[in-house]
Amino acid sequence: MCIETLTTFFMWCTILNGGLLVFWAILCMSAPDLVYRIQNKWFPLPRETFNVIIYSFLGAFKIVFLVFNVVPYVALLIMG
């Protein structure tokens, strides 16, 4: 596989996963009650526990996004 193909692949991965991360963060910040009500139907949890879980998962997703999408993309841009 050539560097241009990998660069394009990681560019689109970064765009799609970054969009998902931004959408999820905006949704959790702008409508936290809606997110809680929807999730509470499937997983009944106290609100405090839900907040800890959702923001921990959001932080973990951000770290994984940076490590596995952004860093390889930037490295390929530097190499190319």
Protein backbone atom coordinates (compact mmCIF):
# COMPACT_ATOMS: atom_id res chain seq x y z
CA MET A 1 0.00 0.00 0.00
CA CYS A 2 1.35 3.42 -0.87
CA ILE A 3 1.66 6.36 1.51
CA GLU A 4 -0.93 8.39 -0.41
CA THR A 5 -3.57 5.69 0.07
CA LEU A 6 -2.82 5.39 3.78
CA THR A 7 -2.86 9.16 4.17
CA THR A 8 -6.27 9.35 2.49
CA PHE A 9 -7.57 6.50 4.65
CA PHE A 10 -6.45 8.13 7.89
CA MET A 11 -7.72 11.51 6.73
CA TRP A 12 -11.23 10.09 6.30
CA CYS A 13 -11.00 8.15 9.57
CA THR A 14 -10.02 11.37 11.33
CA ILE A 15 -12.85 13.34 9.71
CA LEU A 16 -15.53 10.74 10.47
CA ASN A 17 -14.43 9.93 14.01
CA GLY A 18 -13.80 13.61 14.76
CA GLY A 19 -17.29 14.44 13.57
CA LEU A 20 -18.72 11.70 15.77
CA LEU A 21 -16.74 12.98 18.75
CA VAL A 22 -17.89 16.57 18.21
CA PHE A 23 -21.52 15.48 17.69
CA TRP A 24 -21.48 13.38 20.83
CA ALA A 25 -19.86 16.12 22.93
CA ILE A 26 -22.34 18.75 21.69
CA LEU A 27 -25.26 16.40 22.36
CA CYS A 28 -24.05 15.64 25.89
CA MET A 29 -23.50 19.33 26.65
CA SER A 30 -26.64 20.75 25.06
CA ALA A 31 -29.21 18.06 25.91
CA PRO A 32 -27.94 16.01 28.85
CA ASP A 33 -31.46 15.29 30.10
CA LEU A 34 -32.49 13.85 26.74
CA VAL A 35 -29.43 11.60 26.62
CA TYR A 36 -30.07 10.47 30.19
CA ARG A 37 -33.76 9.70 29.53
CA ILE A 38 -32.95 7.69 26.40
CA GLN A 39 -30.19 5.68 28.06
CA ASN A 40 -32.15 5.25 31.28
CA LYS A 41 -34.78 3.23 29.42
CA TRP A 42 -32.17 0.58 28.59
CA PHE A 43 -29.82 0.88 31.56
CA PRO A 44 -31.46 2.24 34.71
CA LEU A 45 -28.71 4.08 36.59
CA PRO A 46 -28.66 6.95 39.05
CA ARG A 47 -27.94 10.29 37.39
CA GLU A 48 -24.57 10.76 39.12
CA THR A 49 -23.35 7.34 37.98
CA PHE A 50 -24.56 8.02 34.45
CA ASN A 51 -22.68 11.33 34.34
CA VAL A 52 -19.44 9.69 35.45
CA ILE A 53 -19.81 6.88 32.91
CA ILE A 54 -20.77 9.07 29.94
CA TYR A 55 -18.01 11.63 30.48
CA SER A 56 -15.43 8.92 31.17
CA PHE A 57 -16.39 7.20 27.95
CA LEU A 58 -16.26 10.51 26.10
CA GLY A 59 -12.76 11.15 27.44
CA ALA A 60 -11.62 7.62 26.56
CA PHE A 61 -12.99 8.01 23.03
CA LYS A 62 -11.12 11.30 22.67
CA ILE A 63 -7.83 9.69 23.70
CA VAL A 64 -8.37 6.72 21.35
CA PHE A 65 -9.31 9.13 18.56
CA LEU A 66 -6.12 11.13 19.02
CA VAL A 67 -3.84 8.10 19.32
CA PHE A 68 -5.28 5.95 16.54
CA ASN A 69 -6.54 8.56 14.05
CA VAL A 70 -4.86 11.94 14.37
CA VAL A 71 -1.33 10.83 15.25
CA PRO A 72 -0.99 8.34 12.33
CA TYR A 73 -2.50 10.88 9.95
CA VAL A 74 -0.05 13.60 11.01
CA ALA A 75 2.85 11.13 10.85
CA LEU A 76 1.89 10.16 7.30
CA LEU A 77 1.61 13.82 6.32
CA ILE A 78 5.12 14.41 7.66
CA MET A 79 6.46 11.33 5.84
CA GLY A 80 4.74 12.16 2.57
